[in-house]
Protein backbone atom coordinates (compact mmCIF):
# COMPACT_ATOMS: atom_id res chain seq x y z
CA MET A 1 148.99 174.23 -16.58
CA GLY A 2 152.35 175.36 -17.88
CA ASP A 3 154.44 172.97 -19.92
CA LEU A 4 152.08 170.07 -19.21
CA GLU A 5 149.22 171.48 -21.23
CA LEU A 6 148.09 169.40 -24.16
CA LEU A 7 144.76 171.11 -24.91
CA LEU A 8 144.39 174.85 -25.37
CA PRO A 9 142.30 176.82 -22.85
CA GLY A 10 138.64 176.22 -23.62
CA GLU A 11 139.42 173.42 -26.07
CA ALA A 12 138.71 170.68 -23.51
CA ASP A 13 135.33 172.26 -22.77
CA VAL A 14 134.42 172.21 -26.47
CA LEU A 15 135.51 168.58 -26.84
CA VAL A 16 133.56 167.45 -23.76
CA ARG A 17 130.42 169.34 -24.77
CA GLY A 18 130.54 167.66 -28.19
CA LEU A 19 130.63 164.08 -26.88
CA ARG A 20 127.61 162.04 -27.97
CA SER A 21 126.49 158.45 -28.41
CA PHE A 22 126.90 156.83 -31.85
CA PRO A 23 124.77 153.92 -33.11
CA LEU A 24 126.51 150.66 -34.01
CA ARG A 25 126.08 151.37 -37.70
CA GLU A 26 128.21 154.53 -37.46
CA MET A 27 131.26 152.95 -35.82
CA GLY A 28 134.32 153.99 -37.85
CA THR A 29 132.58 156.77 -39.82
CA GLU A 30 134.07 160.25 -40.22
CA GLY A 31 132.04 161.79 -37.37
CA TRP A 32 132.78 158.85 -35.10
CA THR A 33 136.50 159.07 -35.93
CA ARG A 34 136.56 162.75 -34.99
CA GLN A 35 135.03 161.91 -31.61
CA HIS A 36 137.54 159.10 -31.13
CA GLU A 37 140.34 161.62 -31.65
CA SER A 38 138.68 163.97 -29.15
CA LEU A 39 138.51 161.18 -26.59
CA GLU A 40 142.19 160.39 -27.09
CA LYS A 41 143.11 164.02 -26.41
CA LEU A 42 140.89 164.18 -23.34
CA ASN A 43 142.34 160.87 -22.19
CA MET A 44 145.92 162.10 -22.45
CA GLN A 45 145.15 165.42 -20.77
CA ALA A 46 143.44 163.60 -17.89
CA ILE A 47 146.52 161.38 -17.46
CA LEU A 48 148.81 164.41 -17.51
CA ASP A 49 146.72 166.21 -14.89
CA ALA A 50 146.57 163.16 -12.62
CA THR A 51 150.29 162.41 -12.99
CA ALA A 52 151.29 166.00 -12.26
CA SER A 53 148.93 166.16 -9.24
CA GLN A 54 147.28 169.25 -10.65
CA SER A 55 143.63 170.24 -10.63
CA GLU A 56 141.76 167.87 -12.90
CA PRO A 57 139.55 169.87 -15.28
CA ILE A 58 138.70 166.91 -17.55
CA GLN A 59 136.99 165.08 -14.71
CA GLU A 60 135.22 168.29 -13.66
CA LEU A 61 134.03 169.00 -17.23
CA LEU A 62 132.72 165.46 -17.71
CA VAL A 63 130.68 165.79 -14.51
CA THR A 64 129.50 169.35 -15.19
CA HIS A 65 128.26 168.52 -18.68
CA GLY A 66 126.77 165.16 -17.64
CA LYS A 67 128.93 163.14 -20.05
CA ILE A 68 129.80 160.11 -17.90
CA PRO A 69 126.60 158.28 -19.00
CA THR A 70 127.56 159.07 -22.63
CA LEU A 71 130.98 157.48 -22.13
CA VAL A 72 129.42 154.38 -20.55
CA GLU A 73 127.03 154.00 -23.49
CA GLU A 74 129.87 154.42 -26.00
CA LEU A 75 131.91 151.83 -24.08
CA ILE A 76 129.14 149.24 -24.22
CA THR A 77 128.32 150.05 -27.86
CA VAL A 78 131.86 149.33 -29.03
CA GLU A 79 131.93 146.19 -26.84
CA MET A 80 128.82 144.97 -28.64
CA TRP A 81 130.30 145.89 -32.04
CA LYS A 82 133.32 143.73 -31.26
CA GLN A 83 131.13 140.80 -30.20
CA LYS A 84 128.30 140.98 -32.73
CA VAL A 85 129.46 142.86 -35.83
CA LEU A 86 133.20 142.23 -36.18
CA PRO A 87 132.91 138.40 -36.40
CA VAL A 88 130.24 138.77 -39.14
CA LEU A 89 132.35 141.36 -40.95
CA CYS A 90 135.36 139.03 -41.00
CA LYS A 91 133.28 136.26 -42.64
CA LEU A 92 131.95 138.36 -45.52
CA GLU A 93 133.11 137.11 -48.90
CA ASP A 94 134.36 140.55 -49.97
CA PHE A 95 136.25 141.17 -46.74
CA LYS A 96 139.90 141.04 -47.82
CA PRO A 97 141.55 144.04 -46.15
CA GLN A 98 145.08 144.88 -47.19
CA ASN A 99 145.24 147.29 -44.27
CA THR A 100 143.47 146.83 -40.94
CA PHE A 101 144.13 150.32 -39.61
CA PRO A 102 140.46 151.53 -39.72
CA ILE A 103 139.30 148.38 -37.90
CA TYR A 104 142.09 148.75 -35.37
CA MET A 105 140.80 152.24 -34.54
CA VAL A 106 137.37 150.87 -33.62
CA VAL A 107 138.86 148.03 -31.58
CA HIS A 108 141.11 150.53 -29.82
CA HIS A 109 138.13 152.77 -29.00
CA GLU A 110 137.07 150.54 -26.11
CA ALA A 111 140.55 150.76 -24.60
CA SER A 112 140.51 154.56 -24.90
CA ILE A 113 137.19 154.93 -23.07
CA ILE A 114 137.92 152.49 -20.25
CA ASN A 115 141.29 154.16 -19.74
CA LEU A 116 139.64 157.58 -19.44
CA LEU A 117 137.04 156.17 -17.03
CA GLU A 118 139.76 154.57 -14.92
CA THR A 119 141.54 157.93 -14.65
CA VAL A 120 138.47 159.97 -13.64
CA PHE A 121 136.55 157.39 -11.54
CA PHE A 122 139.10 157.92 -8.81
CA HIS A 123 136.88 160.88 -7.89
CA ARG A 124 133.71 160.04 -6.01
CA GLU A 125 131.60 162.67 -7.80
CA VAL A 126 132.29 160.93 -11.12
CA CYS A 127 130.72 157.70 -9.89
CA GLU A 128 127.74 159.66 -8.59
CA SER A 129 127.34 161.50 -11.92
CA ALA A 130 127.10 158.16 -13.76
CA GLU A 131 123.57 157.96 -12.32
CA ASP A 132 121.65 154.87 -13.54
CA THR A 133 124.42 153.87 -15.97
CA VAL A 134 126.58 152.77 -13.02
CA LEU A 135 124.48 149.58 -13.20
CA ASP A 136 125.51 149.11 -16.83
CA LEU A 137 129.14 149.79 -15.91
CA VAL A 138 129.03 147.22 -13.10
CA ASP A 139 127.66 144.65 -15.59
CA TYR A 140 130.36 145.57 -18.10
CA CYS A 141 133.13 145.09 -15.52
CA HIS A 142 131.60 141.79 -14.41
CA ARG A 143 131.49 140.49 -18.01
CA LYS A 144 135.17 141.29 -18.48
CA LEU A 145 136.35 139.78 -15.19
CA ALA A 146 134.16 136.67 -15.40
CA LEU A 147 135.53 135.93 -18.86
CA LEU A 148 139.09 136.36 -17.60
CA VAL A 149 138.48 133.89 -14.77
CA ALA A 150 136.69 131.45 -17.13
CA ARG A 151 139.73 131.44 -19.41
CA GLY A 152 142.00 130.53 -16.54
CA GLY A 153 143.61 133.90 -16.04
CA GLN A 154 146.06 134.94 -18.72
CA SER A 155 146.53 131.41 -20.08
CA GLY A 156 147.13 131.60 -23.79
CA LEU A 157 148.20 135.24 -23.54
CA ARG A 158 151.79 134.84 -24.62
CA GLU A 159 153.98 137.20 -26.58
CA GLU A 160 154.52 134.95 -29.55
CA GLU A 161 156.99 135.68 -32.27
CA GLY A 162 155.49 137.13 -35.40
CA SER A 163 155.55 135.29 -38.70
CA GLN A 164 156.39 136.63 -42.12
CA ASP A 165 153.32 134.76 -43.39
CA SER A 166 150.91 136.46 -40.98
CA THR A 167 148.03 138.24 -42.69
CA PRO A 168 147.02 141.77 -41.64
CA MET A 169 143.99 140.30 -39.88
CA GLN A 170 146.13 137.78 -37.98
CA GLU A 171 148.36 140.62 -36.81
CA LEU A 172 145.27 142.59 -35.78
CA GLN A 173 143.96 139.58 -33.86
CA LYS A 174 147.19 139.36 -31.85
CA GLN A 175 147.02 143.05 -30.99
CA ALA A 176 143.32 142.78 -30.13
CA GLU A 177 143.92 139.88 -27.70
CA LEU A 178 146.57 141.83 -25.81
CA MET A 179 144.34 144.90 -25.83
CA GLU A 180 141.42 142.90 -24.44
CA PHE A 181 143.59 141.77 -21.54
CA GLU A 182 144.56 145.38 -20.80
CA ILE A 183 140.92 146.50 -21.06
CA THR A 184 139.92 143.86 -18.51
CA LEU A 185 142.56 145.04 -16.04
CA LYS A 186 141.33 148.63 -16.45
CA ALA A 187 137.77 147.39 -15.80
CA LEU A 188 139.02 145.89 -12.53
CA SER A 189 140.30 149.29 -11.43
CA VAL A 190 137.03 150.98 -12.40
CA LEU A 191 135.10 148.37 -10.41
CA ARG A 192 137.28 149.00 -7.37
CA TYR A 193 136.55 152.76 -7.59
CA ILE A 194 132.83 152.00 -7.74
CA THR A 195 133.14 149.97 -4.53
CA ASP A 196 134.73 153.02 -2.87
CA CYS A 197 131.28 154.61 -3.20
CA VAL A 198 129.42 151.62 -1.77
CA ASP A 199 127.79 153.72 0.96
CA SER A 200 126.08 155.94 -1.62
CA LEU A 201 125.19 153.38 -4.29
CA SER A 202 121.53 152.59 -4.95
CA LEU A 203 120.00 149.41 -3.55
CA SER A 204 119.69 148.12 -7.11
CA THR A 205 123.42 148.57 -7.72
CA LEU A 206 124.34 146.91 -4.43
CA SER A 207 122.01 144.01 -5.19
CA ARG A 208 123.52 143.68 -8.66
CA MET A 209 127.04 143.53 -7.24
CA LEU A 210 126.37 141.27 -4.27
CA SER A 211 123.48 139.01 -5.28
CA THR A 212 123.24 138.89 -9.07
CA HIS A 213 126.99 138.77 -9.75
CA ASN A 214 128.36 137.77 -6.31
CA LEU A 215 131.41 139.96 -6.89
CA PRO A 216 133.15 139.02 -3.62
CA CYS A 217 133.45 135.40 -4.79
CA LEU A 218 134.60 136.48 -8.25
CA LEU A 219 137.29 138.65 -6.67
CA VAL A 220 138.49 135.67 -4.62
CA GLN A 221 138.94 133.71 -7.84
CA LEU A 222 140.92 136.59 -9.33
CA LEU A 223 143.31 136.56 -6.37
CA GLU A 224 143.73 132.79 -6.74
CA HIS A 225 144.49 133.05 -10.48
CA SER A 226 146.42 136.35 -10.28
CA PRO A 227 146.22 136.68 -14.08
CA TRP A 228 148.59 139.68 -14.07
CA SER A 229 151.44 137.51 -12.71
CA ARG A 230 153.22 134.56 -14.28
CA ARG A 231 156.41 132.51 -14.17
CA GLU A 232 158.66 132.55 -17.21
CA GLY A 233 161.98 130.69 -17.13
CA GLY A 234 161.75 130.47 -13.36
CA LYS A 235 161.36 134.24 -13.01
CA LEU A 236 158.32 136.09 -11.71
CA GLN A 237 156.79 138.52 -14.18
CA ARG A 238 153.97 141.04 -13.71
CA PHE A 239 151.89 142.81 -16.31
CA GLU A 240 152.22 146.58 -15.88
CA GLY A 241 152.10 149.48 -18.29
CA GLY A 242 151.03 147.35 -21.23
CA ARG A 243 153.73 144.67 -21.05
CA TRP A 244 155.25 141.98 -18.88
CA HIS A 245 158.12 142.97 -16.56
CA THR A 246 160.46 140.66 -14.68
CA VAL A 247 160.20 141.34 -10.94
CA ALA A 248 163.47 141.54 -9.01
CA PRO A 249 163.70 139.08 -6.08
CA SER A 250 163.79 141.99 -3.63
CA GLU A 251 160.46 143.27 -5.02
CA GLN A 252 158.54 139.99 -5.16
CA GLN A 253 156.89 140.45 -1.76
CA LYS A 254 155.70 143.90 -2.73
CA LEU A 255 151.97 144.06 -3.41
CA SER A 256 151.20 144.72 -7.08
CA LYS A 257 148.80 147.52 -7.94
CA LEU A 258 146.23 145.09 -9.36
CA ASP A 259 146.33 142.76 -6.35
CA GLY A 260 145.85 145.86 -4.24
CA GLN A 261 142.77 146.85 -6.24
CA VAL A 262 141.19 143.44 -5.61
CA TRP A 263 141.91 143.55 -1.86
CA ILE A 264 140.47 147.07 -1.52
CA ALA A 265 137.34 146.08 -3.47
CA LEU A 266 136.89 143.04 -1.22
CA TYR A 267 137.34 145.18 1.87
CA ASN A 268 134.72 147.64 0.63
CA LEU A 269 132.19 144.95 -0.29
CA LEU A 270 132.57 142.86 2.85
CA LEU A 271 133.12 145.41 5.61
CA SER A 272 130.97 148.40 4.74
CA SER A 273 127.76 148.40 6.78
CA GLU A 274 125.58 148.84 3.68
CA ALA A 275 127.07 145.85 1.88
CA ARG A 276 127.24 143.59 4.95
CA ALA A 277 123.55 144.13 5.57
CA ARG A 278 122.71 142.87 2.09
CA TYR A 279 125.30 140.19 1.30
CA CYS A 280 124.00 136.70 1.99
CA LEU A 281 126.85 134.58 3.38
CA THR A 282 125.69 131.23 2.00
CA SER A 283 127.66 128.02 2.37
CA PHE A 284 129.24 128.62 -1.06
CA ALA A 285 130.17 132.24 -0.26
CA LYS A 286 131.61 131.21 3.10
CA GLY A 287 133.77 128.52 1.50
CA GLN A 288 135.07 130.91 -1.15
CA LEU A 289 135.80 133.78 1.22
CA LEU A 290 137.69 131.57 3.68
CA LYS A 291 140.16 130.84 0.88
CA LEU A 292 141.46 134.37 1.52
CA ARG A 293 142.88 133.54 4.95
CA PRO A 294 146.23 132.07 3.77
CA PHE A 295 146.83 135.22 1.67
CA LEU A 296 146.52 137.54 4.69
CA THR A 297 150.15 137.31 5.80
CA ASP A 298 152.00 139.78 7.99
CA THR A 299 153.80 141.02 4.89
CA LEU A 300 150.50 141.83 3.21
CA LEU A 301 149.08 143.47 6.33
CA ASP A 302 152.17 145.67 6.62
CA GLN A 303 151.37 147.04 3.15
CA LEU A 304 147.58 147.30 3.62
CA PRO A 305 147.01 147.63 7.39
CA ASN A 306 143.22 147.96 6.95
CA LEU A 307 143.12 144.31 5.91
CA ALA A 308 143.54 143.41 9.58
CA ASP A 309 139.81 144.15 9.85
CA LEU A 310 139.16 141.75 6.97
CA LYS A 311 141.27 139.08 8.69
CA ASN A 312 139.16 139.47 11.83
CA PHE A 313 135.97 139.30 9.76
CA LEU A 314 137.08 136.00 8.22
CA ALA A 315 138.03 134.58 11.62
CA HIS A 316 134.50 135.33 12.80
CA LEU A 317 132.99 133.98 9.57
CA ALA A 318 134.74 130.63 10.13
CA LEU A 319 132.79 130.20 13.38
CA VAL A 320 129.27 131.12 12.26
CA GLU A 321 126.70 129.03 10.41
CA PRO A 322 126.09 129.84 6.72
CA GLN A 323 122.97 131.82 5.87
CA THR A 324 120.06 130.54 3.84
CA PRO A 325 119.56 132.39 0.55
CA LYS A 326 116.67 134.79 0.82
CA LYS A 327 114.45 136.38 -1.79
CA ASP A 328 113.89 140.05 -1.16
CA LEU A 329 110.76 141.50 -2.71
CA VAL A 330 112.44 144.62 -3.97
CA LEU A 331 111.56 146.47 -7.15
CA GLU A 332 114.97 146.76 -8.79
CA GLN A 333 116.33 148.76 -11.67
CA ILE A 334 118.16 146.71 -14.25
CA PRO A 335 120.94 147.73 -16.66
CA GLU A 336 119.38 148.75 -19.95
CA ILE A 337 122.10 149.80 -22.42
CA TRP A 338 123.25 146.32 -23.50
CA GLU A 339 119.70 144.95 -23.86
CA ARG A 340 118.46 148.06 -25.64
CA LEU A 341 121.30 147.95 -28.18
CA LYS A 342 120.75 144.22 -28.73
CA GLN A 343 117.02 144.72 -29.34
CA GLN A 344 117.54 147.74 -31.60
CA ASN A 345 119.98 145.84 -33.81
CA LYS A 346 118.56 142.32 -33.55
CA GLY A 347 118.78 140.49 -36.87
CA MET A 348 120.73 143.38 -38.43
CA TRP A 349 124.30 142.31 -37.68
CA GLN A 350 125.01 141.21 -41.26
CA ALA A 351 123.41 144.32 -42.75
CA ILE A 352 125.51 146.51 -40.48
CA ALA A 353 128.67 144.58 -41.37
CA LYS A 354 128.00 144.88 -45.12
CA HIS A 355 127.25 148.59 -44.81
CA GLN A 356 130.48 149.20 -42.90
CA LEU A 357 132.54 147.10 -45.29
CA GLN A 358 131.31 149.21 -48.19
CA HIS A 359 131.36 152.65 -46.58
CA VAL A 360 133.85 152.50 -43.72
CA PHE A 361 136.41 149.72 -43.98
CA SER A 362 137.33 150.00 -47.66
CA PRO A 363 139.07 153.39 -47.73
CA SER A 364 141.21 154.59 -50.59
CA GLU A 365 144.96 154.72 -50.09
CA HIS A 366 144.73 158.51 -49.93
CA ASP A 367 142.02 158.46 -47.25
CA LEU A 368 143.93 155.86 -45.29
CA ARG A 369 147.07 157.96 -45.21
CA LEU A 370 145.18 161.05 -44.16
CA GLN A 371 143.51 159.09 -41.39
CA ALA A 372 146.82 157.64 -40.22
CA ALA A 373 148.41 161.09 -40.27
CA ARG A 374 145.62 162.48 -38.10
CA TRP A 375 145.99 159.54 -35.75
CA ALA A 376 149.72 160.18 -35.39
CA GLU A 377 149.03 163.87 -34.74
CA THR A 378 146.52 162.99 -32.02
CA TYR A 379 149.15 161.19 -29.96
CA ARG A 380 151.56 163.53 -28.22
CA LEU A 381 154.04 160.99 -26.93
CA ASP A 382 156.58 163.69 -26.15
CA VAL A 383 154.16 165.29 -23.69
CA LEU A 384 153.32 162.01 -21.95
CA GLU A 385 156.99 161.05 -21.69
CA ALA A 386 157.76 164.32 -19.91
CA VAL A 387 155.70 163.26 -16.90
CA ALA A 388 155.95 159.47 -17.21
CA PRO A 389 156.22 157.92 -13.72
CA GLU A 390 158.99 155.60 -14.88
CA ARG A 391 161.40 155.19 -17.75
CA PRO A 392 160.27 153.26 -20.85
CA ARG A 393 161.12 149.55 -20.95
CA CYS A 394 162.78 147.58 -23.73
CA ALA A 395 160.18 145.78 -25.85
CA TYR A 396 162.46 142.73 -26.05
CA CYS A 397 164.08 142.28 -22.62
CA SER A 398 162.13 144.75 -20.40
CA ALA A 399 165.29 146.54 -19.26
CA GLU A 400 165.19 150.34 -18.93
CA ALA A 401 165.28 151.77 -22.45
CA SER A 402 166.53 155.00 -23.96
CA LYS A 403 166.25 154.33 -27.71
CA ARG A 404 162.98 154.47 -29.65
CA CYS A 405 162.09 152.94 -33.02
CA SER A 406 162.72 155.79 -35.46
CA ARG A 407 160.05 154.60 -37.89
CA CYS A 408 156.92 154.22 -35.76
CA GLN A 409 158.05 155.97 -32.55
CA ASN A 410 156.05 153.43 -30.51
CA GLU A 411 158.52 150.79 -29.28
CA TRP A 412 161.55 151.33 -27.03
CA TYR A 413 164.81 149.39 -26.84
CA CYS A 414 167.82 149.32 -24.55
CA CYS A 415 170.26 148.52 -27.36
CA ARG A 416 170.51 147.81 -31.08
CA GLU A 417 170.84 144.05 -30.47
CA CYS A 418 167.42 143.88 -28.77
CA GLN A 419 165.84 145.90 -31.57
CA VAL A 420 167.18 143.47 -34.17
CA LYS A 421 165.95 140.44 -32.18
CA HIS A 422 162.50 142.00 -31.80
CA TRP A 423 162.17 143.15 -35.42
CA GLU A 424 160.44 140.04 -36.78
CA LYS A 425 157.65 140.48 -34.24
CA HIS A 426 157.51 144.27 -34.51
CA ARG A 427 157.85 144.57 -38.30
CA LYS A 428 154.20 144.60 -39.43
CA VAL A 429 152.96 146.72 -36.55
CA CYS A 430 155.79 149.16 -37.29
CA VAL A 431 154.79 149.46 -40.95
CA LEU A 432 151.17 150.13 -40.00
CA ALA A 433 151.99 152.72 -37.33
CA GLY A 434 154.55 154.41 -39.55
CA GLN A 435 152.09 155.26 -42.31
CA GLY A 436 151.05 158.44 -40.56
CA ASP A 437 154.56 159.84 -40.73
CA ARG A 438 154.93 159.05 -44.42
CA ALA A 439 151.63 160.76 -45.17
CA LYS A 440 152.73 164.08 -43.66
């Protein structure tokens, strides 16, 4: 793979073979941390391969060794940890962390896995290799997107200025909220790739998507809210690459990647013969779907010509009578990972939190620095930048940037003035991220 190689020959195979599922109690432990680092390396290599349009060995290895179900289980395990264990942990009397780095690693784990899944699910064989866990993944994506819609899109997600009085946990909370938004958008992409395989999905998966969750109607609500777009100071901004960018007037009619994902998913779910045969077009569904008609402009159709078929479908739908909901007597599979984890750990959330506070989230200063150093070593930003599809953007004004924070190496700026203006917000994150360099 020439200069774009991050992992040594054979190293990726070893890392993939070693992937396993960890119980909730072991989140953040030494063995878990090692696997997290492995996933980060596999994640970056998969991005490099996809960006460089090379063969994609990471995807092939994950399929060959049957590790997609393992990744799905890990994804749902860390989601449950965030929902069930973290809130209990934060309320413990002895929980007074001076440094939130170990907790941040666990929170970040979900983002790492969903990012890897987004990269590899582009390939049909990956979806097929998920086997029964595709049901669990569909449920996971639905939970994320339904919550986003329930919260009114990205309302409340604003890049607020930091405060000198912010505690480490308050800073972590801000980072976690932004990360959750990014995770949800990745889940949308994964869901779209699953719909690409609609003709080969099991009846149980189709039923889950169309009847249990009514995904077409949820996708309509996403298009209405467009949570990845907003108006700030009269200017249109879109969320891409982890931050908000101002869209030039000449680019505002251009379809965003995320809007495109929703339209393709809708096309797959409404126009494939398998889905159409099983989707009940009730009065509610009809009313929701017809809301799409004003969006289907000539400008949109020029960018996604296939949507002309969807426009014709909606024109026909407007003329037909709604269907009556029907109960099919079908023996269905149901997702089992979330329920199994909940039953296995029922009533144990506080015990798990106390165990992790004592053994995982109270590291010595020496252990913390070693961990941060390993974390910094895991990220090869220089490699990713070499094949980045676009130049970095200024963290303050979103202009093209060429200067990087010398302390943490994470944020970019177009000029010294923007760096100074952004410092109050960036300061505590910079100190945390910079510990790895000082430990070397």
